[in-house]
N, C-alpha and C. Protein backbone atom coordinates (compact mmCIF):
# COMPACT_ATOMS: atom_id res chain seq x y z
N MET A 1 0.85 17.06 -27.79
CA MET A 1 1.80 16.44 -26.90
C MET A 1 2.82 15.62 -27.66
N GLY A 2 4.13 15.92 -27.47
CA GLY A 2 5.09 15.19 -28.24
C GLY A 2 5.45 13.85 -27.72
N ILE A 3 6.11 13.04 -28.48
CA ILE A 3 6.39 11.65 -28.10
C ILE A 3 7.18 11.59 -26.76
N MET A 4 8.18 12.46 -26.58
CA MET A 4 8.98 12.46 -25.34
C MET A 4 8.15 12.78 -24.13
N GLU A 5 7.25 13.78 -24.26
CA GLU A 5 6.39 14.15 -23.19
C GLU A 5 5.42 13.03 -22.85
N SER A 6 4.91 12.29 -23.87
CA SER A 6 4.01 11.16 -23.66
C SER A 6 4.76 10.14 -22.88
N VAL A 7 5.94 9.78 -23.24
CA VAL A 7 6.70 8.77 -22.61
C VAL A 7 7.04 9.16 -21.13
N LYS A 8 7.37 10.42 -20.95
CA LYS A 8 7.66 11.00 -19.58
C LYS A 8 6.42 10.85 -18.68
N ASN A 9 5.25 11.19 -19.24
CA ASN A 9 3.99 11.10 -18.47
C ASN A 9 3.59 9.67 -18.16
N TRP A 10 3.98 8.76 -19.04
CA TRP A 10 3.71 7.30 -18.91
C TRP A 10 4.59 6.78 -17.74
N ILE A 11 5.85 7.13 -17.80
CA ILE A 11 6.81 6.69 -16.77
C ILE A 11 6.57 7.32 -15.41
N GLN A 12 6.40 8.62 -15.46
CA GLN A 12 6.27 9.44 -14.23
C GLN A 12 5.00 10.34 -14.47
N PRO A 13 3.83 9.88 -14.15
CA PRO A 13 2.61 10.68 -14.46
C PRO A 13 2.59 11.95 -13.63
N GLN A 14 2.02 12.99 -14.29
CA GLN A 14 1.81 14.24 -13.59
C GLN A 14 0.84 14.03 -12.39
N ARG A 15 1.16 14.69 -11.27
CA ARG A 15 0.28 14.49 -10.09
C ARG A 15 -0.35 15.85 -9.76
N ASP A 16 -1.63 15.75 -9.46
CA ASP A 16 -2.36 16.98 -9.11
C ASP A 16 -1.89 17.48 -7.71
N PRO A 17 -1.55 18.81 -7.58
CA PRO A 17 -1.04 19.30 -6.34
C PRO A 17 -2.06 19.39 -5.19
N TYR A 18 -3.32 19.08 -5.52
CA TYR A 18 -4.42 19.13 -4.47
C TYR A 18 -4.97 17.72 -4.18
N THR A 19 -4.30 16.67 -4.62
CA THR A 19 -4.73 15.39 -4.45
C THR A 19 -3.85 14.64 -3.45
N LEU A 20 -4.40 14.02 -2.47
CA LEU A 20 -3.69 13.15 -1.49
C LEU A 20 -3.63 11.72 -2.16
N TYR A 21 -2.48 11.30 -2.44
CA TYR A 21 -2.25 9.97 -3.06
C TYR A 21 -1.80 9.01 -2.03
N ILE A 22 -2.63 7.97 -1.87
CA ILE A 22 -2.37 6.89 -0.86
C ILE A 22 -2.04 5.68 -1.57
N SER A 23 -0.81 5.13 -1.43
CA SER A 23 -0.53 3.91 -2.16
C SER A 23 0.24 2.97 -1.35
N ILE A 24 0.10 1.63 -1.65
CA ILE A 24 0.84 0.62 -0.92
C ILE A 24 1.71 -0.04 -1.98
N ASN A 25 3.01 -0.01 -1.76
CA ASN A 25 3.98 -0.69 -2.64
C ASN A 25 4.39 -1.91 -1.93
N GLU A 26 4.07 -3.12 -2.55
CA GLU A 26 4.35 -4.37 -1.91
C GLU A 26 5.83 -4.74 -2.12
N ILE A 27 6.41 -5.25 -1.03
CA ILE A 27 7.81 -5.69 -1.00
C ILE A 27 7.81 -7.25 -1.14
N PRO A 28 8.40 -7.84 -2.20
CA PRO A 28 8.27 -9.31 -2.29
C PRO A 28 9.06 -10.01 -1.22
N GLN A 29 10.08 -9.47 -0.63
CA GLN A 29 10.82 -10.22 0.37
C GLN A 29 11.13 -9.25 1.49
N PRO A 30 10.75 -9.41 2.74
CA PRO A 30 10.03 -10.59 3.17
C PRO A 30 8.53 -10.51 2.70
N ARG A 31 7.90 -11.60 2.68
CA ARG A 31 6.46 -11.68 2.19
C ARG A 31 5.54 -10.94 3.13
N ASP A 32 4.51 -10.47 2.61
CA ASP A 32 3.45 -9.75 3.40
C ASP A 32 3.85 -8.45 4.07
N TRP A 33 4.81 -7.74 3.44
CA TRP A 33 5.20 -6.45 3.84
C TRP A 33 5.14 -5.51 2.73
N GLY A 34 5.01 -4.21 3.05
CA GLY A 34 4.95 -3.12 1.99
C GLY A 34 5.17 -1.89 2.58
N THR A 35 5.10 -0.83 1.79
CA THR A 35 5.34 0.53 2.24
C THR A 35 4.13 1.32 1.84
N LEU A 36 3.48 1.98 2.90
CA LEU A 36 2.35 2.84 2.71
C LEU A 36 2.98 4.22 2.50
N GLN A 37 2.54 4.83 1.41
CA GLN A 37 2.99 6.26 1.14
C GLN A 37 1.83 7.21 0.94
N LEU A 38 1.94 8.35 1.65
CA LEU A 38 0.96 9.36 1.49
C LEU A 38 1.68 10.58 0.87
N ALA A 39 1.18 11.02 -0.26
CA ALA A 39 1.82 12.14 -0.88
C ALA A 39 0.78 13.13 -1.38
N VAL A 40 1.03 14.35 -1.40
CA VAL A 40 0.19 15.40 -2.01
C VAL A 40 0.99 15.97 -3.17
N GLY A 41 0.36 15.74 -4.36
CA GLY A 41 1.11 16.04 -5.58
C GLY A 41 2.42 15.27 -5.61
N LYS A 42 3.46 15.93 -5.76
CA LYS A 42 4.84 15.26 -5.85
C LYS A 42 5.50 15.28 -4.41
N ASP A 43 4.88 15.88 -3.43
CA ASP A 43 5.50 16.01 -2.07
C ASP A 43 5.08 14.90 -1.19
N MET A 44 6.02 14.09 -0.65
CA MET A 44 5.71 13.06 0.28
C MET A 44 5.35 13.65 1.64
N VAL A 45 4.16 13.21 2.16
CA VAL A 45 3.67 13.68 3.45
C VAL A 45 4.28 12.80 4.49
N MET A 46 4.15 11.46 4.31
CA MET A 46 4.74 10.51 5.22
C MET A 46 4.67 9.11 4.57
N SER A 47 5.54 8.26 5.17
CA SER A 47 5.67 6.87 4.65
C SER A 47 5.99 5.99 5.77
N ARG A 48 5.55 4.73 5.67
CA ARG A 48 5.77 3.72 6.76
C ARG A 48 5.79 2.35 6.11
N ASP A 49 6.66 1.55 6.61
CA ASP A 49 6.73 0.12 6.25
C ASP A 49 5.59 -0.60 7.13
N ILE A 50 4.83 -1.37 6.46
CA ILE A 50 3.63 -1.97 7.19
C ILE A 50 3.56 -3.47 6.84
N SER A 51 2.95 -4.19 7.75
CA SER A 51 2.55 -5.58 7.53
C SER A 51 1.23 -5.53 6.62
N LEU A 52 1.23 -6.38 5.64
CA LEU A 52 0.08 -6.46 4.84
C LEU A 52 -0.97 -7.56 5.31
N GLU A 53 -0.70 -8.13 6.45
CA GLU A 53 -1.66 -9.11 6.95
C GLU A 53 -2.84 -8.39 7.41
N ALA A 54 -4.02 -8.98 7.42
CA ALA A 54 -5.25 -8.37 7.79
C ALA A 54 -5.30 -7.93 9.20
N SER A 55 -4.51 -8.64 10.05
CA SER A 55 -4.55 -8.30 11.47
C SER A 55 -3.87 -6.97 11.77
N ALA A 56 -3.08 -6.48 10.76
CA ALA A 56 -2.31 -5.18 10.95
C ALA A 56 -3.24 -3.94 10.61
N THR A 57 -4.38 -4.17 10.16
CA THR A 57 -5.19 -3.08 9.71
C THR A 57 -5.54 -2.07 10.79
N GLU A 58 -5.82 -2.53 11.99
CA GLU A 58 -6.18 -1.59 13.10
C GLU A 58 -4.92 -0.80 13.53
N GLU A 59 -3.79 -1.41 13.49
CA GLU A 59 -2.56 -0.66 13.78
C GLU A 59 -2.25 0.47 12.76
N LEU A 60 -2.47 0.10 11.47
CA LEU A 60 -2.30 1.08 10.39
C LEU A 60 -3.31 2.22 10.55
N LEU A 61 -4.55 1.95 10.80
CA LEU A 61 -5.52 3.00 10.95
C LEU A 61 -5.22 3.85 12.19
N GLY A 62 -4.76 3.32 13.22
CA GLY A 62 -4.34 4.06 14.38
C GLY A 62 -3.18 5.03 14.05
N TRP A 63 -2.23 4.64 13.31
CA TRP A 63 -1.13 5.42 12.86
C TRP A 63 -1.61 6.52 12.01
N ILE A 64 -2.53 6.27 11.06
CA ILE A 64 -3.08 7.36 10.28
C ILE A 64 -3.76 8.37 11.15
N GLU A 65 -4.58 7.84 12.08
CA GLU A 65 -5.44 8.74 13.02
C GLU A 65 -4.48 9.58 13.86
N ARG A 66 -3.42 9.02 14.30
CA ARG A 66 -2.40 9.87 15.11
C ARG A 66 -1.76 10.95 14.26
N ASN A 67 -1.60 10.69 13.02
CA ASN A 67 -0.99 11.70 12.08
C ASN A 67 -1.99 12.56 11.29
N LEU A 68 -3.20 12.49 11.67
CA LEU A 68 -4.27 13.28 10.94
C LEU A 68 -3.94 14.85 10.85
N PRO A 69 -3.43 15.43 11.93
CA PRO A 69 -3.06 16.83 11.94
C PRO A 69 -2.16 17.10 10.75
N LYS A 70 -1.11 16.30 10.70
CA LYS A 70 -0.06 16.51 9.61
C LYS A 70 -0.63 16.30 8.24
N ILE A 71 -1.52 15.31 8.15
CA ILE A 71 -2.11 14.92 6.82
C ILE A 71 -3.07 16.02 6.38
N LYS A 72 -3.85 16.49 7.29
CA LYS A 72 -4.85 17.55 6.94
C LYS A 72 -4.20 18.83 6.66
N ALA A 73 -3.03 19.13 7.34
CA ALA A 73 -2.26 20.40 7.11
C ALA A 73 -1.67 20.42 5.71
N SER A 74 -1.63 19.33 4.98
CA SER A 74 -1.06 19.26 3.64
C SER A 74 -1.91 19.94 2.68
N GLY A 75 -3.20 20.27 3.01
CA GLY A 75 -4.12 21.07 2.14
C GLY A 75 -4.68 20.28 0.91
N PHE A 76 -4.80 18.93 1.05
CA PHE A 76 -5.39 18.17 0.05
C PHE A 76 -6.87 18.42 -0.11
N GLN A 77 -7.44 18.30 -1.36
CA GLN A 77 -8.84 18.47 -1.57
C GLN A 77 -9.53 17.16 -2.06
N ARG A 78 -8.67 16.31 -2.63
CA ARG A 78 -9.23 14.99 -3.11
C ARG A 78 -8.25 13.94 -2.63
N VAL A 79 -8.74 12.64 -2.69
CA VAL A 79 -7.94 11.48 -2.34
C VAL A 79 -8.00 10.46 -3.51
N SER A 80 -6.80 9.92 -3.78
CA SER A 80 -6.72 8.91 -4.76
C SER A 80 -5.88 7.68 -4.17
N PHE A 81 -6.48 6.54 -4.40
CA PHE A 81 -5.80 5.28 -3.89
C PHE A 81 -5.24 4.48 -4.96
N GLU A 82 -4.07 3.86 -4.59
CA GLU A 82 -3.44 2.94 -5.52
C GLU A 82 -2.99 1.70 -4.78
N ASN A 83 -3.48 0.55 -5.21
CA ASN A 83 -3.10 -0.70 -4.61
C ASN A 83 -3.59 -0.85 -3.15
N VAL A 84 -4.75 -0.24 -2.88
CA VAL A 84 -5.36 -0.31 -1.49
C VAL A 84 -6.77 -0.97 -1.67
N SER A 85 -7.01 -1.93 -0.80
CA SER A 85 -8.24 -2.68 -0.93
C SER A 85 -9.42 -1.73 -0.65
N ALA A 86 -10.54 -2.09 -1.27
CA ALA A 86 -11.80 -1.21 -1.15
C ALA A 86 -12.21 -1.02 0.35
N PRO A 87 -12.22 -2.16 1.08
CA PRO A 87 -12.67 -1.98 2.49
C PRO A 87 -11.71 -1.06 3.26
N LEU A 88 -10.42 -1.15 2.94
CA LEU A 88 -9.42 -0.28 3.70
C LEU A 88 -9.61 1.16 3.18
N GLN A 89 -9.85 1.39 1.93
CA GLN A 89 -10.13 2.66 1.33
C GLN A 89 -11.22 3.35 2.07
N GLN A 90 -12.31 2.67 2.29
CA GLN A 90 -13.42 3.22 3.00
C GLN A 90 -13.13 3.62 4.42
N ARG A 91 -12.35 2.82 5.15
CA ARG A 91 -12.03 3.09 6.54
C ARG A 91 -11.13 4.32 6.64
N ILE A 92 -10.16 4.43 5.65
CA ILE A 92 -9.24 5.57 5.56
C ILE A 92 -10.06 6.87 5.27
N GLN A 93 -10.91 6.71 4.24
CA GLN A 93 -11.79 7.81 3.89
C GLN A 93 -12.54 8.38 5.12
N ALA A 94 -13.10 7.48 5.95
CA ALA A 94 -13.89 7.85 7.14
C ALA A 94 -13.00 8.61 8.12
N LEU A 95 -11.73 8.21 8.22
CA LEU A 95 -10.79 8.93 9.14
C LEU A 95 -10.50 10.31 8.61
N LEU A 96 -10.31 10.41 7.33
CA LEU A 96 -9.90 11.68 6.74
C LEU A 96 -11.09 12.70 6.82
N ILE A 97 -12.39 12.21 6.71
CA ILE A 97 -13.46 13.10 6.77
C ILE A 97 -13.81 13.56 8.18
N ALA A 98 -13.53 12.73 9.15
CA ALA A 98 -13.94 13.05 10.51
C ALA A 98 -13.15 14.25 11.03
């Protein structure tokens, strides 16, 4: 692997086309807000601005549950989380498996 390819992979890592990537990008202003992104490989499945307060968890899980047909239609085989708390990861996993 050349130096330029190593730098490119560090800046923009290769994503597996069969992995559902679930990430939360925190927005510093206003506080306690972020963007939840669901992507399979490089393709965005859906995205939503969310409150990062603990009280918003049920609303977030309801939104994911309502969109399960679209998420499952993406053809993912694995799930990878980034910047998502372990308890929330477990609850999302339970929805995806059901």
